[in-house]
Amino acid sequence: DQKLKKMFRDKRKRRGRKEDLVKDLGRWKPTDDLALITGVEQLKDLVLVFKGVKFSCHFTLPEIQERWYNLMYEPVVSQLALQAIQNMKPELVYKVKSQAPFSKEEEDAICGADIKATDS
């Protein structure tokens, strides 16, 4: 987490902070934010989120890391994102959440389940 914070601090020294925030608002849709939040809750690893979550458009790993950082530490970005997610239709929220990857615990439970085929 410290490495991630340092990376963004260094990046912001080179560019304006407002410029970063405005750019984020344009590409990230509420469905992307919800997918990112849900993916992190499930996988607890941004690299796995990058590899396993489908977003509305292609985001690089640094873009995903930066968005996560902004959602966590930038109050304006966080509030806007949460308001947009709350305004989503319940069906869309369900769809995004149902596409979330399984957590490690869920995969272990599925793999450990003794499932037998039934004859019809």
PDB file of N, CA and C in Angstrom:
ATOM      1  N   ASP A   1       0.820  -1.192   0.000  1.00  0.00           N
ATOM      2  CA  ASP A   1       0.000   0.000   0.000  1.00  0.00           C
ATOM      3  C   ASP A   1       0.869   1.264   0.000  1.00  0.00           C
ATOM      4  N   GLN A   2       1.967   1.225   0.724  1.00  0.00           N
ATOM      5  CA  GLN A   2       2.867   2.380   0.766  1.00  0.00           C
ATOM      6  C   GLN A   2       3.498   2.618  -0.604  1.00  0.00           C
ATOM      7  N   LYS A   3       3.858   1.539  -1.281  1.00  0.00           N
ATOM      8  CA  LYS A   3       4.446   1.656  -2.619  1.00  0.00           C
ATOM      9  C   LYS A   3       3.450   2.303  -3.585  1.00  0.00           C
ATOM     10  N   LEU A   4       2.190   1.899  -3.481  1.00  0.00           N
ATOM     11  CA  LEU A   4       1.126   2.448  -4.326  1.00  0.00           C
ATOM     12  C   LEU A   4       0.940   3.934  -4.051  1.00  0.00           C
ATOM     13  N   LYS A   5       0.906   4.321  -2.764  1.00  0.00           N
ATOM     14  CA  LYS A   5       0.759   5.726  -2.414  1.00  0.00           C
ATOM     15  C   LYS A   5       1.921   6.554  -2.945  1.00  0.00           C
ATOM     16  N   LYS A   6       3.152   6.032  -2.818  1.00  0.00           N
ATOM     17  CA  LYS A   6       4.338   6.754  -3.291  1.00  0.00           C
ATOM     18  C   LYS A   6       4.290   6.937  -4.807  1.00  0.00           C
ATOM     19  N   MET A   7       3.874   5.889  -5.512  1.00  0.00           N
ATOM     20  CA  MET A   7       3.797   5.959  -6.970  1.00  0.00           C
ATOM     21  C   MET A   7       2.859   7.088  -7.400  1.00  0.00           C
ATOM     22  N   PHE A   8       1.708   7.201  -6.739  1.00  0.00           N
ATOM     23  CA  PHE A   8       0.752   8.235  -7.118  1.00  0.00           C
ATOM     24  C   PHE A   8       1.200   9.621  -6.680  1.00  0.00           C
ATOM     25  N   ARG A   9       1.877   9.705  -5.538  1.00  0.00           N
ATOM     26  CA  ARG A   9       2.409  10.988  -5.100  1.00  0.00           C
ATOM     27  C   ARG A   9       3.423  11.510  -6.116  1.00  0.00           C
ATOM     28  N   ASP A  10       4.321  10.633  -6.570  1.00  0.00           N
ATOM     29  CA  ASP A  10       5.324  11.014  -7.566  1.00  0.00           C
ATOM     30  C   ASP A  10       4.666  11.415  -8.877  1.00  0.00           C
ATOM     31  N   LYS A  11       3.640  10.671  -9.286  1.00  0.00           N
ATOM     32  CA  LYS A  11       2.944  10.963 -10.539  1.00  0.00           C
ATOM     33  C   LYS A  11       2.244  12.311 -10.475  1.00  0.00           C
ATOM     34  N   ARG A  12       1.642  12.612  -9.331  1.00  0.00           N
ATOM     35  CA  ARG A  12       0.915  13.871  -9.183  1.00  0.00           C
ATOM     36  C   ARG A  12       1.846  15.071  -9.177  1.00  0.00           C
ATOM     37  N   LYS A  13       3.088  14.863  -8.794  1.00  0.00           N
ATOM     38  CA  LYS A  13       4.046  15.963  -8.833  1.00  0.00           C
ATOM     39  C   LYS A  13       4.299  16.378 -10.278  1.00  0.00           C
ATOM     40  N   ARG A  14       4.232  15.406 -11.179  1.00  0.00           N
ATOM     41  CA  ARG A  14       4.469  15.687 -12.597  1.00  0.00           C
ATOM     42  C   ARG A  14       3.257  16.283 -13.290  1.00  0.00           C
ATOM     43  N   ARG A  15       2.050  15.907 -12.861  1.00  0.00           N
ATOM     44  CA  ARG A  15       0.820  16.405 -13.475  1.00  0.00           C
ATOM     45  C   ARG A  15      -0.051  17.056 -12.421  1.00  0.00           C
ATOM     46  N   GLY A  16      -0.969  17.851 -12.898  1.00  0.00           N
ATOM     47  CA  GLY A  16      -1.900  18.484 -11.971  1.00  0.00           C
ATOM     48  C   GLY A  16      -2.892  17.492 -11.424  1.00  0.00           C
ATOM     49  N   ARG A  17      -3.235  17.650 -10.170  1.00  0.00           N
ATOM     50  CA  ARG A  17      -4.174  16.749  -9.516  1.00  0.00           C
ATOM     51  C   ARG A  17      -5.565  16.849 -10.136  1.00  0.00           C
ATOM     52  N   LYS A  18      -6.011  18.053 -10.419  1.00  0.00           N
ATOM     53  CA  LYS A  18      -7.341  18.229 -11.015  1.00  0.00           C
ATOM     54  C   LYS A  18      -7.417  17.571 -12.384  1.00  0.00           C
ATOM     55  N   GLU A  19      -6.324  17.628 -13.123  1.00  0.00           N
ATOM     56  CA  GLU A  19      -6.297  17.005 -14.451  1.00  0.00           C
ATOM     57  C   GLU A  19      -6.543  15.504 -14.329  1.00  0.00           C
ATOM     58  N   ASP A  20      -5.932  14.853 -13.348  1.00  0.00           N
ATOM     59  CA  ASP A  20      -6.142  13.423 -13.128  1.00  0.00           C
ATOM     60  C   ASP A  20      -7.597  13.123 -12.788  1.00  0.00           C
ATOM     61  N   LEU A  21      -8.175  13.922 -11.911  1.00  0.00           N
ATOM     62  CA  LEU A  21      -9.538  13.670 -11.469  1.00  0.00           C
ATOM     63  C   LEU A  21     -10.537  13.856 -12.598  1.00  0.00           C
ATOM     64  N   VAL A  22     -10.336  14.869 -13.415  1.00  0.00           N
ATOM     65  CA  VAL A  22     -11.235  15.119 -14.543  1.00  0.00           C
ATOM     66  C   VAL A  22     -11.142  13.979 -15.544  1.00  0.00           C
ATOM     67  N   LYS A  23      -9.927  13.505 -15.812  1.00  0.00           N
ATOM     68  CA  LYS A  23      -9.747  12.395 -16.737  1.00  0.00           C
ATOM     69  C   LYS A  23     -10.464  11.150 -16.225  1.00  0.00           C
ATOM     70  N   ASP A  24     -10.369  10.886 -14.915  1.00  0.00           N
ATOM     71  CA  ASP A  24     -11.038   9.738 -14.319  1.00  0.00           C
ATOM     72  C   ASP A  24     -12.541   9.805 -14.512  1.00  0.00           C
ATOM     73  N   LEU A  25     -13.123  10.972 -14.339  1.00  0.00           N
ATOM     74  CA  LEU A  25     -14.574  11.117 -14.435  1.00  0.00           C
ATOM     75  C   LEU A  25     -15.080  10.759 -15.819  1.00  0.00           C
ATOM     76  N   GLY A  26     -14.277  10.981 -16.849  1.00  0.00           N
ATOM     77  CA  GLY A  26     -14.720  10.728 -18.209  1.00  0.00           C
ATOM     78  C   GLY A  26     -14.780   9.268 -18.591  1.00  0.00           C
ATOM     79  N   ARG A  27     -13.816   8.476 -18.175  1.00  0.00           N
ATOM     80  CA  ARG A  27     -13.737   7.086 -18.625  1.00  0.00           C
ATOM     81  C   ARG A  27     -14.434   6.100 -17.702  1.00  0.00           C
ATOM     82  N   TRP A  28     -14.372   6.340 -16.422  1.00  0.00           N
ATOM     83  CA  TRP A  28     -14.918   5.386 -15.461  1.00  0.00           C
ATOM     84  C   TRP A  28     -16.425   5.584 -15.302  1.00  0.00           C
ATOM     85  N   LYS A  29     -17.157   4.545 -15.628  1.00  0.00           N
ATOM     86  CA  LYS A  29     -18.609   4.562 -15.494  1.00  0.00           C
ATOM     87  C   LYS A  29     -18.982   3.961 -14.131  1.00  0.00           C
ATOM     88  N   PRO A  30     -20.182   4.231 -13.649  1.00  0.00           N
ATOM     89  CA  PRO A  30     -20.608   3.641 -12.371  1.00  0.00           C
ATOM     90  C   PRO A  30     -20.492   2.115 -12.360  1.00  0.00           C
ATOM     91  N   THR A  31     -20.787   1.479 -13.489  1.00  0.00           N
ATOM     92  CA  THR A  31     -20.656   0.021 -13.549  1.00  0.00           C
ATOM     93  C   THR A  31     -19.199  -0.406 -13.367  1.00  0.00           C
ATOM     94  N   ASP A  32     -18.264   0.382 -13.898  1.00  0.00           N
ATOM     95  CA  ASP A  32     -16.843   0.076 -13.733  1.00  0.00           C
ATOM     96  C   ASP A  32     -16.430   0.212 -12.274  1.00  0.00           C
ATOM     97  N   ASP A  33     -16.885   1.280 -11.638  1.00  0.00           N
ATOM     98  CA  ASP A  33     -16.556   1.480 -10.227  1.00  0.00           C
ATOM     99  C   ASP A  33     -17.113   0.349  -9.374  1.00  0.00           C
ATOM    100  N   LEU A  34     -18.359  -0.043  -9.633  1.00  0.00           N
ATOM    101  CA  LEU A  34     -18.962  -1.139  -8.881  1.00  0.00           C
ATOM    102  C   LEU A  34     -18.208  -2.443  -9.134  1.00  0.00           C
ATOM    103  N   ALA A  35     -17.839  -2.693 -10.384  1.00  0.00           N
ATOM    104  CA  ALA A  35     -17.073  -3.907 -10.709  1.00  0.00           C
ATOM    105  C   ALA A  35     -15.714  -3.885 -10.006  1.00  0.00           C
ATOM    106  N   LEU A  36     -15.072  -2.725  -9.966  1.00  0.00           N
ATOM    107  CA  LEU A  36     -13.780  -2.601  -9.291  1.00  0.00           C
ATOM    108  C   LEU A  36     -13.931  -2.851  -7.791  1.00  0.00           C
ATOM    109  N   ILE A  37     -14.904  -2.205  -7.168  1.00  0.00           N
ATOM    110  CA  ILE A  37     -15.117  -2.366  -5.729  1.00  0.00           C
ATOM    111  C   ILE A  37     -15.452  -3.813  -5.393  1.00  0.00           C
ATOM    112  N   THR A  38     -16.360  -4.401  -6.155  1.00  0.00           N
ATOM    113  CA  THR A  38     -16.757  -5.784  -5.916  1.00  0.00           C
ATOM    114  C   THR A  38     -15.586  -6.733  -6.147  1.00  0.00           C
ATOM    115  N   GLY A  39     -14.821  -6.476  -7.200  1.00  0.00           N
ATOM    116  CA  GLY A  39     -13.650  -7.308  -7.492  1.00  0.00           C
ATOM    117  C   GLY A  39     -12.614  -7.261  -6.383  1.00  0.00           C
ATOM    118  N   VAL A  40     -12.364  -6.079  -5.848  1.00  0.00           N
ATOM    119  CA  VAL A  40     -11.405  -5.955  -4.748  1.00  0.00           C
ATOM    120  C   VAL A  40     -11.938  -6.627  -3.491  1.00  0.00           C
ATOM    121  N   GLU A  41     -13.227  -6.483  -3.234  1.00  0.00           N
ATOM    122  CA  GLU A  41     -13.822  -7.164  -2.074  1.00  0.00           C
ATOM    123  C   GLU A  41     -13.663  -8.679  -2.191  1.00  0.00           C
ATOM    124  N   GLN A  42     -13.840  -9.201  -3.387  1.00  0.00           N
ATOM    125  CA  GLN A  42     -13.761 -10.643  -3.602  1.00  0.00           C
ATOM    126  C   GLN A  42     -12.317 -11.146  -3.631  1.00  0.00           C
ATOM    127  N   LEU A  43     -11.468 -10.475  -4.414  1.00  0.00           N
ATOM    128  CA  LEU A  43     -10.131 -10.990  -4.692  1.00  0.00           C
ATOM    129  C   LEU A  43      -9.042 -10.419  -3.794  1.00  0.00           C
ATOM    130  N   LYS A  44      -9.278  -9.221  -3.281  1.00  0.00           N
ATOM    131  CA  LYS A  44      -8.319  -8.547  -2.397  1.00  0.00           C
ATOM    132  C   LYS A  44      -6.945  -8.366  -3.039  1.00  0.00           C
ATOM    133  N   ASP A  45      -6.935  -8.179  -4.366  1.00  0.00           N
ATOM    134  CA  ASP A  45      -5.681  -8.031  -5.104  1.00  0.00           C
ATOM    135  C   ASP A  45      -5.978  -7.327  -6.428  1.00  0.00           C
ATOM    136  N   LEU A  46      -5.390  -6.143  -6.620  1.00  0.00           N
ATOM    137  CA  LEU A  46      -5.669  -5.372  -7.834  1.00  0.00           C
ATOM    138  C   LEU A  46      -5.148  -6.048  -9.098  1.00  0.00           C
ATOM    139  N   VAL A  47      -4.074  -6.812  -8.993  1.00  0.00           N
ATOM    140  CA  VAL A  47      -3.564  -7.531 -10.173  1.00  0.00           C
ATOM    141  C   VAL A  47      -4.582  -8.572 -10.618  1.00  0.00           C
ATOM    142  N   LEU A  48      -5.159  -9.288  -9.664  1.00  0.00           N
ATOM    143  CA  LEU A  48      -6.191 -10.280 -10.008  1.00  0.00           C
ATOM    144  C   LEU A  48      -7.442  -9.606 -10.552  1.00  0.00           C
ATOM    145  N   VAL A  49      -7.781  -8.440 -10.014  1.00  0.00           N
ATOM    146  CA  VAL A  49      -8.923  -7.678 -10.542  1.00  0.00           C
ATOM    147  C   VAL A  49      -8.645  -7.301 -11.990  1.00  0.00           C
ATOM    148  N   PHE A  50      -7.442  -6.816 -12.263  1.00  0.00           N
ATOM    149  CA  PHE A  50      -7.051  -6.447 -13.626  1.00  0.00           C
ATOM    150  C   PHE A  50      -7.193  -7.636 -14.575  1.00  0.00           C
ATOM    151  N   LYS A  51      -6.797  -8.806 -14.124  1.00  0.00           N
ATOM    152  CA  LYS A  51      -6.827  -9.999 -14.970  1.00  0.00           C
ATOM    153  C   LYS A  51      -8.213 -10.636 -15.091  1.00  0.00           C
ATOM    154  N   GLY A  52      -9.052 -10.452 -14.054  1.00  0.00           N
ATOM    155  CA  GLY A  52     -10.284 -11.227 -14.031  1.00  0.00           C
ATOM    156  C   GLY A  52     -11.592 -10.476 -14.126  1.00  0.00           C
ATOM    157  N   VAL A  53     -11.560  -9.142 -14.067  1.00  0.00           N
ATOM    158  CA  VAL A  53     -12.814  -8.380 -14.093  1.00  0.00           C
ATOM    159  C   VAL A  53     -12.973  -7.720 -15.466  1.00  0.00           C
ATOM    160  N   LYS A  54     -14.171  -7.835 -16.012  1.00  0.00           N
ATOM    161  CA  LYS A  54     -14.450  -7.207 -17.311  1.00  0.00           C
ATOM    162  C   LYS A  54     -15.060  -5.827 -17.064  1.00  0.00           C
ATOM    163  N   PHE A  55     -14.393  -4.807 -17.595  1.00  0.00           N
ATOM    164  CA  PHE A  55     -14.868  -3.428 -17.475  1.00  0.00           C
ATOM    165  C   PHE A  55     -15.496  -3.001 -18.801  1.00  0.00           C
ATOM    166  N   SER A  56     -16.092  -1.813 -18.817  1.00  0.00           N
ATOM    167  CA  SER A  56     -16.762  -1.324 -20.032  1.00  0.00           C
ATOM    168  C   SER A  56     -15.773  -0.988 -21.143  1.00  0.00           C
ATOM    169  N   CYS A  57     -14.533  -0.716 -20.778  1.00  0.00           N
ATOM    170  CA  CYS A  57     -13.481  -0.492 -21.756  1.00  0.00           C
ATOM    171  C   CYS A  57     -12.167  -0.989 -21.156  1.00  0.00           C
ATOM    172  N   HIS A  58     -11.120  -1.004 -21.954  1.00  0.00           N
ATOM    173  CA  HIS A  58      -9.837  -1.503 -21.458  1.00  0.00           C
ATOM    174  C   HIS A  58      -9.190  -0.480 -20.534  1.00  0.00           C
ATOM    175  N   PHE A  59      -8.837  -0.941 -19.336  1.00  0.00           N
ATOM    176  CA  PHE A  59      -8.056  -0.136 -18.409  1.00  0.00           C
ATOM    177  C   PHE A  59      -6.750  -0.866 -18.144  1.00  0.00           C
ATOM    178  N   THR A  60      -5.657  -0.122 -18.090  1.00  0.00           N
ATOM    179  CA  THR A  60      -4.373  -0.720 -17.755  1.00  0.00           C
ATOM    180  C   THR A  60      -4.311  -0.953 -16.244  1.00  0.00           C
ATOM    181  N   LEU A  61      -3.358  -1.759 -15.816  1.00  0.00           N
ATOM    182  CA  LEU A  61      -3.189  -1.984 -14.386  1.00  0.00           C
ATOM    183  C   LEU A  61      -2.920  -0.677 -13.641  1.00  0.00           C
ATOM    184  N   PRO A  62      -2.035   0.202 -14.143  1.00  0.00           N
ATOM    185  CA  PRO A  62      -1.845   1.484 -13.439  1.00  0.00           C
ATOM    186  C   PRO A  62      -3.116   2.332 -13.364  1.00  0.00           C
ATOM    187  N   GLU A  63      -3.962   2.279 -14.391  1.00  0.00           N
ATOM    188  CA  GLU A  63      -5.230   3.019 -14.345  1.00  0.00           C
ATOM    189  C   GLU A  63      -6.153   2.452 -13.268  1.00  0.00           C
ATOM    190  N   ILE A  64      -6.189   1.135 -13.157  1.00  0.00           N
ATOM    191  CA  ILE A  64      -7.012   0.496 -12.137  1.00  0.00           C
ATOM    192  C   ILE A  64      -6.476   0.829 -10.750  1.00  0.00           C
ATOM    193  N   GLN A  65      -5.159   0.787 -10.604  1.00  0.00           N
ATOM    194  CA  GLN A  65      -4.553   1.131  -9.318  1.00  0.00           C
ATOM    195  C   GLN A  65      -4.843   2.585  -8.954  1.00  0.00           C
ATOM    196  N   GLU A  66      -4.750   3.468  -9.928  1.00  0.00           N
ATOM    197  CA  GLU A  66      -5.008   4.871  -9.674  1.00  0.00           C
ATOM    198  C   GLU A  66      -6.478   5.113  -9.308  1.00  0.00           C
ATOM    199  N   ARG A  67      -7.383   4.454 -10.012  1.00  0.00           N
ATOM    200  CA  ARG A  67      -8.804   4.627  -9.693  1.00  0.00           C
ATOM    201  C   ARG A  67      -9.103   4.118  -8.290  1.00  0.00           C
ATOM    202  N   TRP A  68      -8.531   2.979  -7.925  1.00  0.00           N
ATOM    203  CA  TRP A  68      -8.748   2.439  -6.592  1.00  0.00           C
ATOM    204  C   TRP A  68      -8.221   3.415  -5.538  1.00  0.00           C
ATOM    205  N   TYR A  69      -7.045   3.949  -5.787  1.00  0.00           N
ATOM    206  CA  TYR A  69      -6.467   4.931  -4.869  1.00  0.00           C
ATOM    207  C   TYR A  69      -7.397   6.139  -4.730  1.00  0.00           C
ATOM    208  N   ASN A  70      -7.904   6.636  -5.858  1.00  0.00           N
ATOM    209  CA  ASN A  70      -8.808   7.790  -5.823  1.00  0.00           C
ATOM    210  C   ASN A  70     -10.115   7.471  -5.091  1.00  0.00           C
ATOM    211  N   LEU A  71     -10.640   6.274  -5.293  1.00  0.00           N
ATOM    212  CA  LEU A  71     -11.863   5.883  -4.589  1.00  0.00           C
ATOM    213  C   LEU A  71     -11.619   5.790  -3.079  1.00  0.00           C
ATOM    214  N   MET A  72     -10.421   5.402  -2.707  1.00  0.00           N
ATOM    215  CA  MET A  72     -10.106   5.241  -1.289  1.00  0.00           C
ATOM    216  C   MET A  72      -9.730   6.554  -0.602  1.00  0.00           C
ATOM    217  N   TYR A  73      -8.990   7.423  -1.301  1.00  0.00           N
ATOM    218  CA  TYR A  73      -8.363   8.565  -0.629  1.00  0.00           C
ATOM    219  C   TYR A  73      -8.782   9.942  -1.131  1.00  0.00           C
ATOM    220  N   GLU A  74      -9.600  10.005  -2.172  1.00  0.00           N
ATOM    221  CA  GLU A  74     -10.064  11.292  -2.691  1.00  0.00           C
ATOM    222  C   GLU A  74     -11.554  11.421  -2.380  1.00  0.00           C
ATOM    223  N   PRO A  75     -11.918  12.223  -1.371  1.00  0.00           N
ATOM    224  CA  PRO A  75     -13.324  12.301  -0.938  1.00  0.00           C
ATOM    225  C   PRO A  75     -14.291  12.708  -2.047  1.00  0.00           C
ATOM    226  N   VAL A  76     -13.904  13.634  -2.902  1.00  0.00           N
ATOM    227  CA  VAL A  76     -14.820  14.074  -3.966  1.00  0.00           C
ATOM    228  C   VAL A  76     -15.085  12.941  -4.947  1.00  0.00           C
ATOM    229  N   VAL A  77     -14.040  12.263  -5.373  1.00  0.00           N
ATOM    230  CA  VAL A  77     -14.181  11.150  -6.312  1.00  0.00           C
ATOM    231  C   VAL A  77     -15.003  10.037  -5.673  1.00  0.00           C
ATOM    232  N   SER A  78     -14.696   9.726  -4.440  1.00  0.00           N
ATOM    233  CA  SER A  78     -15.394   8.657  -3.735  1.00  0.00           C
ATOM    234  C   SER A  78     -16.885   8.956  -3.606  1.00  0.00           C
ATOM    235  N   GLN A  79     -17.223  10.176  -3.208  1.00  0.00           N
ATOM    236  CA  GLN A  79     -18.638  10.549  -3.057  1.00  0.00           C
ATOM    237  C   GLN A  79     -19.381  10.501  -4.386  1.00  0.00           C
ATOM    238  N   LEU A  80     -18.766  11.041  -5.434  1.00  0.00           N
ATOM    239  CA  LEU A  80     -19.416  11.027  -6.749  1.00  0.00           C
ATOM    240  C   LEU A  80     -19.636   9.600  -7.235  1.00  0.00           C
ATOM    241  N   ALA A  81     -18.637   8.753  -7.049  1.00  0.00           N
ATOM    242  CA  ALA A  81     -18.749   7.367  -7.498  1.00  0.00           C
ATOM    243  C   ALA A  81     -19.842   6.633  -6.729  1.00  0.00           C
ATOM    244  N   LEU A  82     -19.873   6.815  -5.413  1.00  0.00           N
ATOM    245  CA  LEU A  82     -20.889   6.128  -4.614  1.00  0.00           C
ATOM    246  C   LEU A  82     -22.295   6.625  -4.933  1.00  0.00           C
ATOM    247  N   GLN A  83     -22.444   7.919  -5.171  1.00  0.00           N
ATOM    248  CA  GLN A  83     -23.753   8.447  -5.553  1.00  0.00           C
ATOM    249  C   GLN A  83     -24.202   7.860  -6.887  1.00  0.00           C
ATOM    250  N   ALA A  84     -23.270   7.772  -7.835  1.00  0.00           N
ATOM    251  CA  ALA A  84     -23.609   7.214  -9.148  1.00  0.00           C
ATOM    252  C   ALA A  84     -23.999   5.741  -9.030  1.00  0.00           C
ATOM    253  N   ILE A  85     -23.294   5.005  -8.183  1.00  0.00           N
ATOM    254  CA  ILE A  85     -23.620   3.590  -7.974  1.00  0.00           C
ATOM    255  C   ILE A  85     -24.995   3.459  -7.324  1.00  0.00           C
ATOM    256  N   GLN A  86     -25.292   4.313  -6.356  1.00  0.00           N
ATOM    257  CA  GLN A  86     -26.596   4.272  -5.683  1.00  0.00           C
ATOM    258  C   GLN A  86     -27.738   4.615  -6.633  1.00  0.00           C
ATOM    259  N   ASN A  87     -27.453   5.385  -7.673  1.00  0.00           N
ATOM    260  CA  ASN A  87     -28.476   5.760  -8.651  1.00  0.00           C
ATOM    261  C   ASN A  87     -28.667   4.712  -9.749  1.00  0.00           C
ATOM    262  N   MET A  88     -27.862   3.665  -9.733  1.00  0.00           N
ATOM    263  CA  MET A  88     -27.994   2.614 -10.742  1.00  0.00           C
ATOM    264  C   MET A  88     -29.274   1.815 -10.480  1.00  0.00           C
ATOM    265  N   LYS A  89     -29.846   1.302 -11.547  1.00  0.00           N
ATOM    266  CA  LYS A  89     -31.023   0.440 -11.410  1.00  0.00           C
ATOM    267  C   LYS A  89     -30.612  -0.857 -10.706  1.00  0.00           C
ATOM    268  N   PRO A  90     -31.479  -1.371  -9.842  1.00  0.00           N
ATOM    269  CA  PRO A  90     -31.146  -2.605  -9.103  1.00  0.00           C
ATOM    270  C   PRO A  90     -30.770  -3.777 -10.017  1.00  0.00           C
ATOM    271  N   GLU A  91     -31.419  -3.854 -11.178  1.00  0.00           N
ATOM    272  CA  GLU A  91     -31.110  -4.948 -12.105  1.00  0.00           C
ATOM    273  C   GLU A  91     -29.663  -4.852 -12.607  1.00  0.00           C
ATOM    274  N   LEU A  92     -29.212  -3.620 -12.843  1.00  0.00           N
ATOM    275  CA  LEU A  92     -27.844  -3.418 -13.322  1.00  0.00           C
ATOM    276  C   LEU A  92     -26.834  -3.716 -12.217  1.00  0.00           C
ATOM    277  N   VAL A  93     -27.152  -3.321 -10.991  1.00  0.00           N
ATOM    278  CA  VAL A  93     -26.281  -3.630  -9.847  1.00  0.00           C
ATOM    279  C   VAL A  93     -26.158  -5.144  -9.706  1.00  0.00           C
ATOM    280  N   TYR A  94     -27.294  -5.836  -9.794  1.00  0.00           N
ATOM    281  CA  TYR A  94     -27.289  -7.296  -9.700  1.00  0.00           C
ATOM    282  C   TYR A  94     -26.434  -7.913 -10.803  1.00  0.00           C
ATOM    283  N   LYS A  95     -26.583  -7.412 -12.013  1.00  0.00           N
ATOM    284  CA  LYS A  95     -25.824  -7.945 -13.145  1.00  0.00           C
ATOM    285  C   LYS A  95     -24.322  -7.779 -12.930  1.00  0.00           C
ATOM    286  N   VAL A  96     -23.902  -6.591 -12.506  1.00  0.00           N
ATOM    287  CA  VAL A  96     -22.473  -6.339 -12.287  1.00  0.00           C
ATOM    288  C   VAL A  96     -21.942  -7.230 -11.168  1.00  0.00           C
ATOM    289  N   LYS A  97     -22.675  -7.301 -10.064  1.00  0.00           N
ATOM    290  CA  LYS A  97     -22.225  -8.108  -8.926  1.00  0.00           C
ATOM    291  C   LYS A  97     -22.208  -9.599  -9.251  1.00  0.00           C
ATOM    292  N   SER A  98     -23.152 -10.037 -10.079  1.00  0.00           N
ATOM    293  CA  SER A  98     -23.196 -11.465 -10.425  1.00  0.00           C
ATOM    294  C   SER A  98     -22.045 -11.864 -11.341  1.00  0.00           C
ATOM    295  N   GLN A  99     -21.405 -10.895 -11.978  1.00  0.00           N
ATOM    296  CA  GLN A  99     -20.264 -11.177 -12.847  1.00  0.00           C
ATOM    297  C   GLN A  99     -18.932 -11.122 -12.097  1.00  0.00           C
ATOM    298  N   ALA A 100     -18.987 -10.840 -10.805  1.00  0.00           N
ATOM    299  CA  ALA A 100     -17.760 -10.757 -10.010  1.00  0.00           C
ATOM    300  C   ALA A 100     -17.104 -12.135  -9.936  1.00  0.00           C
ATOM    301  N   PRO A 101     -15.786 -12.169  -9.959  1.00  0.00           N
ATOM    302  CA  PRO A 101     -15.094 -13.458  -9.845  1.00  0.00           C
ATOM    303  C   PRO A 101     -15.269 -14.042  -8.435  1.00  0.00           C
ATOM    304  N   PHE A 102     -15.128 -15.344  -8.329  1.00  0.00           N
ATOM    305  CA  PHE A 102     -15.206 -16.001  -7.034  1.00  0.00           C
ATOM    306  C   PHE A 102     -13.976 -15.638  -6.199  1.00  0.00           C
ATOM    307  N   SER A 103     -14.181 -15.536  -4.901  1.00  0.00           N
ATOM    308  CA  SER A 103     -13.054 -15.330  -3.993  1.00  0.00           C
ATOM    309  C   SER A 103     -12.297 -16.650  -3.844  1.00  0.00           C
ATOM    310  N   LYS A 104     -11.128 -16.584  -3.265  1.00  0.00           N
ATOM    311  CA  LYS A 104     -10.329 -17.792  -3.027  1.00  0.00           C
ATOM    312  C   LYS A 104     -11.106 -18.763  -2.144  1.00  0.00           C
ATOM    313  N   GLU A 105     -11.768 -18.232  -1.127  1.00  0.00           N
ATOM    314  CA  GLU A 105     -12.547 -19.074  -0.224  1.00  0.00           C
ATOM    315  C   GLU A 105     -13.698 -19.767  -0.957  1.00  0.00           C
ATOM    316  N   GLU A 106     -14.358 -19.028  -1.838  1.00  0.00           N
ATOM    317  CA  GLU A 106     -15.465 -19.614  -2.605  1.00  0.00           C
ATOM    318  C   GLU A 106     -14.954 -20.693  -3.556  1.00  0.00           C
ATOM    319  N   GLU A 107     -13.826 -20.438  -4.211  1.00  0.00           N
ATOM    320  CA  GLU A 107     -13.255 -21.450  -5.098  1.00  0.00           C
ATOM    321  C   GLU A 107     -12.875 -22.697  -4.332  1.00  0.00           C
ATOM    322  N   ASP A 108     -12.268 -22.523  -3.145  1.00  0.00           N
ATOM    323  CA  ASP A 108     -11.900 -23.675  -2.312  1.00  0.00           C
ATOM    324  C   ASP A 108     -13.126 -24.477  -1.909  1.00  0.00           C
ATOM    325  N   ALA A 109     -14.215 -23.774  -1.559  1.00  0.00           N
ATOM    326  CA  ALA A 109     -15.446 -24.453  -1.163  1.00  0.00           C
ATOM    327  C   ALA A 109     -16.035 -25.244  -2.327  1.00  0.00           C
ATOM    328  N   ILE A 110     -15.997 -24.641  -3.505  1.00  0.00           N
ATOM    329  CA  ILE A 110     -16.533 -25.321  -4.690  1.00  0.00           C
ATOM    330  C   ILE A 110     -15.692 -26.549  -5.026  1.00  0.00           C
ATOM    331  N   CYS A 111     -14.378 -26.382  -4.975  1.00  0.00           N
ATOM    332  CA  CYS A 111     -13.480 -27.498  -5.297  1.00  0.00           C
ATOM    333  C   CYS A 111     -13.583 -28.619  -4.264  1.00  0.00           C
ATOM    334  N   GLY A 112     -13.869 -28.253  -3.016  1.00  0.00           N
ATOM    335  CA  GLY A 112     -13.947 -29.248  -1.954  1.00  0.00           C
ATOM    336  C   GLY A 112     -15.305 -29.891  -1.811  1.00  0.00           C
ATOM    337  N   ALA A 113     -16.279 -29.381  -2.524  1.00  0.00           N
ATOM    338  CA  ALA A 113     -17.633 -29.933  -2.407  1.00  0.00           C
ATOM    339  C   ALA A 113     -17.681 -31.303  -3.065  1.00  0.00           C
ATOM    340  N   ASP A 114     -18.348 -32.207  -2.411  1.00  0.00           N
ATOM    341  CA  ASP A 114     -18.488 -33.567  -2.935  1.00  0.00           C
ATOM    342  C   ASP A 114     -19.779 -33.614  -3.757  1.00  0.00           C
ATOM    343  N   ILE A 115     -19.637 -33.300  -5.034  1.00  0.00           N
ATOM    344  CA  ILE A 115     -20.811 -33.251  -5.912  1.00  0.00           C
ATOM    345  C   ILE A 115     -20.851 -34.527  -6.732  1.00  0.00           C
ATOM    346  N   LYS A 116     -21.977 -35.206  -6.639  1.00  0.00           N
ATOM    347  CA  LYS A 116     -22.149 -36.469  -7.386  1.00  0.00           C
ATOM    348  C   LYS A 116     -23.206 -36.268  -8.458  1.00  0.00           C
ATOM    349  N   ALA A 117     -22.957 -36.839  -9.594  1.00  0.00           N
ATOM    350  CA  ALA A 117     -23.923 -36.768 -10.687  1.00  0.00           C
ATOM    351  C   ALA A 117     -25.132 -37.628 -10.336  1.00  0.00           C
ATOM    352  N   THR A 118     -26.291 -37.147 -10.689  1.00  0.00           N
ATOM    353  CA  THR A 118     -27.502 -37.938 -10.441  1.00  0.00           C
ATOM    354  C   THR A 118     -27.984 -38.489 -11.762  1.00  0.00           C
ATOM    355  N   ASP A 119     -28.439 -39.694 -11.703  1.00  0.00           N
ATOM    356  CA  ASP A 119     -29.000 -40.329 -12.903  1.00  0.00           C
ATOM    357  C   ASP A 119     -30.457 -39.950 -13.030  1.00  0.00           C
ATOM    358  N   SER A 120     -30.868 -39.596 -14.235  1.00  0.00           N
ATOM    359  CA  SER A 120     -32.257 -39.201 -14.458  1.00  0.00           C
ATOM    360  C   SER A 120     -33.079 -40.364 -14.900  1.00  0.00           C
TER     361      SER A 120
END
